[in-house]
C-alpha atoms as a PDB file:
ATOM      1  CA  MET A   1     108.440 138.043  72.568  1.00  0.00           C
ATOM      2  CA  ASN A   2     107.895 140.073  75.745  1.00  0.00           C
ATOM      3  CA  GLN A   3     104.420 141.546  76.115  1.00  0.00           C
ATOM      4  CA  SER A   4     105.248 143.508  79.255  1.00  0.00           C
ATOM      5  CA  VAL A   5     108.059 144.848  81.385  1.00  0.00           C
ATOM      6  CA  ALA A   6     107.872 144.307  85.153  1.00  0.00           C
ATOM      7  CA  VAL A   7     110.043 146.173  87.658  1.00  0.00           C
ATOM      8  CA  VAL A   8     110.077 146.045  91.466  1.00  0.00           C
ATOM      9  CA  LYS A   9     111.132 149.281  93.152  1.00  0.00           C
ATOM     10  CA  ASP A  10     110.624 150.141  96.823  1.00  0.00           C
ATOM     11  CA  GLY A  11     108.480 147.027  97.268  1.00  0.00           C
ATOM     12  CA  VAL A  12     106.088 147.906  94.433  1.00  0.00           C
ATOM     13  CA  LEU A  13     105.719 145.815  91.278  1.00  0.00           C
ATOM     14  CA  THR A  14     105.083 148.000  88.238  1.00  0.00           C
ATOM     15  CA  MET A  15     104.070 146.365  84.964  1.00  0.00           C
ATOM     16  CA  THR A  16     103.925 148.193  81.649  1.00  0.00           C
ATOM     17  CA  GLY A  17     102.480 146.597  78.526  1.00  0.00           C
ATOM     18  CA  THR A  18     104.847 146.737  75.548  1.00  0.00           C
ATOM     19  CA  GLY A  19     102.908 144.809  72.920  1.00  0.00           C
ATOM     20  CA  LYS A  20      99.553 145.244  71.299  1.00  0.00           C
ATOM     21  CA  PRO A  21      96.791 146.481  73.624  1.00  0.00           C
ATOM     22  CA  GLY A  22      95.295 143.646  75.628  1.00  0.00           C
ATOM     23  CA  THR A  23      98.338 141.370  75.377  1.00  0.00           C
ATOM     24  CA  ALA A  24     100.268 142.230  78.558  1.00  0.00           C
ATOM     25  CA  PHE A  25     101.002 139.152  80.665  1.00  0.00           C
ATOM     26  CA  LEU A  26     102.699 138.606  83.998  1.00  0.00           C
ATOM     27  CA  GLY A  27     103.120 135.058  85.263  1.00  0.00           C
ATOM     28  CA  HIS A  28     104.408 133.392  88.378  1.00  0.00           C
ATOM     29  CA  GLY A  29     104.583 129.690  89.229  1.00  0.00           C
ATOM     30  CA  MET A  30     103.263 129.059  92.715  1.00  0.00           C
ATOM     31  CA  GLY A  31     103.159 125.265  92.954  1.00  0.00           C
ATOM     32  CA  LYS A  32     100.423 123.730  95.061  1.00  0.00           C
ATOM     33  CA  LEU A  33      98.353 126.213  97.047  1.00  0.00           C
ATOM     34  CA  SER A  34      94.886 126.086  98.465  1.00  0.00           C
ATOM     35  CA  GLY A  35      92.251 128.782  98.271  1.00  0.00           C
ATOM     36  CA  PRO A  36      90.027 130.594  97.981  1.00  0.00           C
ATOM     37  CA  VAL A  37      92.066 133.790  98.031  1.00  0.00           C
ATOM     38  CA  ALA A  38      91.596 137.491  97.333  1.00  0.00           C
ATOM     39  CA  VAL A  39      94.143 139.185  95.074  1.00  0.00           C
ATOM     40  CA  GLN A  40      94.491 142.876  95.792  1.00  0.00           C
ATOM     41  CA  LEU A  41      95.557 145.079  92.882  1.00  0.00           C
ATOM     42  CA  ARG A  42      96.495 148.743  92.755  1.00  0.00           C
ATOM     43  CA  VAL A  43      96.094 149.895  89.181  1.00  0.00           C
ATOM     44  CA  ARG A  44      96.357 153.021  87.082  1.00  0.00           C
ATOM     45  CA  ALA A  45      95.018 152.553  83.564  1.00  0.00           C
ATOM     46  CA  ILE A  46      94.599 155.320  81.019  1.00  0.00           C
ATOM     47  CA  SER A  47      91.995 153.482  78.967  1.00  0.00           C
ATOM     48  CA  GLY A  48      90.876 150.702  81.306  1.00  0.00           C
ATOM     49  CA  GLY A  49      89.925 147.273  80.014  1.00  0.00           C
ATOM     50  CA  ALA A  50      89.572 143.637  80.939  1.00  0.00           C
ATOM     51  CA  GLY A  51      91.870 141.585  83.146  1.00  0.00           C
ATOM     52  CA  LYS A  52      92.058 137.932  84.079  1.00  0.00           C
ATOM     53  CA  ILE A  53      93.728 135.864  86.777  1.00  0.00           C
ATOM     54  CA  GLU A  54      94.513 132.318  85.699  1.00  0.00           C
ATOM     55  CA  TRP A  55      95.782 129.335  87.660  1.00  0.00           C
ATOM     56  CA  LEU A  56      96.499 125.667  87.175  1.00  0.00           C
ATOM     57  CA  PRO A  57      94.725 123.516  89.803  1.00  0.00           C
ATOM     58  CA  ASN A  58      97.054 121.519  92.057  1.00  0.00           C
ATOM     59  CA  GLY A  59     100.119 122.696  90.138  1.00  0.00           C
ATOM     60  CA  ALA A  60      98.923 120.913  86.978  1.00  0.00           C
ATOM     61  CA  GLY A  61     101.424 121.000  84.139  1.00  0.00           C
ATOM     62  CA  ASP A  62      98.701 120.769  81.487  1.00  0.00           C
ATOM     63  CA  PRO A  63      97.576 124.245  80.335  1.00  0.00           C
ATOM     64  CA  THR A  64      94.194 122.847  79.261  1.00  0.00           C
ATOM     65  CA  ALA A  65      93.410 122.453  82.991  1.00  0.00           C
ATOM     66  CA  ALA A  66      93.712 126.229  83.512  1.00  0.00           C
ATOM     67  CA  ARG A  67      90.947 128.018  85.363  1.00  0.00           C
ATOM     68  CA  SER A  68      90.377 131.754  85.414  1.00  0.00           C
ATOM     69  CA  VAL A  69      88.373 134.621  86.857  1.00  0.00           C
ATOM     70  CA  ALA A  70      87.851 137.800  84.840  1.00  0.00           C
ATOM     71  CA  PHE A  71      87.688 141.340  86.182  1.00  0.00           C
ATOM     72  CA  ASP A  72      87.280 144.851  84.777  1.00  0.00           C
ATOM     73  CA  VAL A  73      89.914 147.544  85.187  1.00  0.00           C
ATOM     74  CA  PRO A  74      88.241 150.961  85.209  1.00  0.00           C
ATOM     75  CA  ALA A  75      89.969 153.817  83.405  1.00  0.00           C
ATOM     76  CA  GLY A  76      91.430 156.464  85.647  1.00  0.00           C
ATOM     77  CA  ASP A  77      93.996 157.367  88.242  1.00  0.00           C
ATOM     78  CA  TRP A  78      95.340 155.000  90.906  1.00  0.00           C
ATOM     79  CA  GLN A  79      92.715 152.735  92.437  1.00  0.00           C
ATOM     80  CA  THR A  80      92.806 149.638  94.598  1.00  0.00           C
ATOM     81  CA  PHE A  81      90.428 146.743  94.140  1.00  0.00           C
ATOM     82  CA  SER A  82      90.197 143.095  95.073  1.00  0.00           C
ATOM     83  CA  VAL A  83      89.546 140.045  92.894  1.00  0.00           C
ATOM     84  CA  ASP A  84      88.142 136.933  94.565  1.00  0.00           C
ATOM     85  CA  VAL A  85      89.813 133.771  93.248  1.00  0.00           C
ATOM     86  CA  PRO A  86      87.877 130.599  94.154  1.00  0.00           C
ATOM     87  CA  ALA A  87      90.905 128.396  93.484  1.00  0.00           C
ATOM     88  CA  GLN A  88      90.968 125.019  95.158  1.00  0.00           C
ATOM     89  CA  GLY A  89      94.403 123.451  94.862  1.00  0.00           C
END
């Protein structure tokens, strides 16, 4: 079951949640990367809420190895913010 719809237009990825509130998910397999990194997001959220960036260290195939960093999405018009991801591997 899809929890979101993602569309790229003019170089911008737009994601719209389609399921219950708080269930939208967008994933991308990156393989082995090294960090730390900063993920920059440009968001417009009517009600705001919590977000989370998750990764699997060293491209692990076991989801129990997942690590994450949480962030808050303020309600309001378009805003840009950065999330520091201390990922190693």
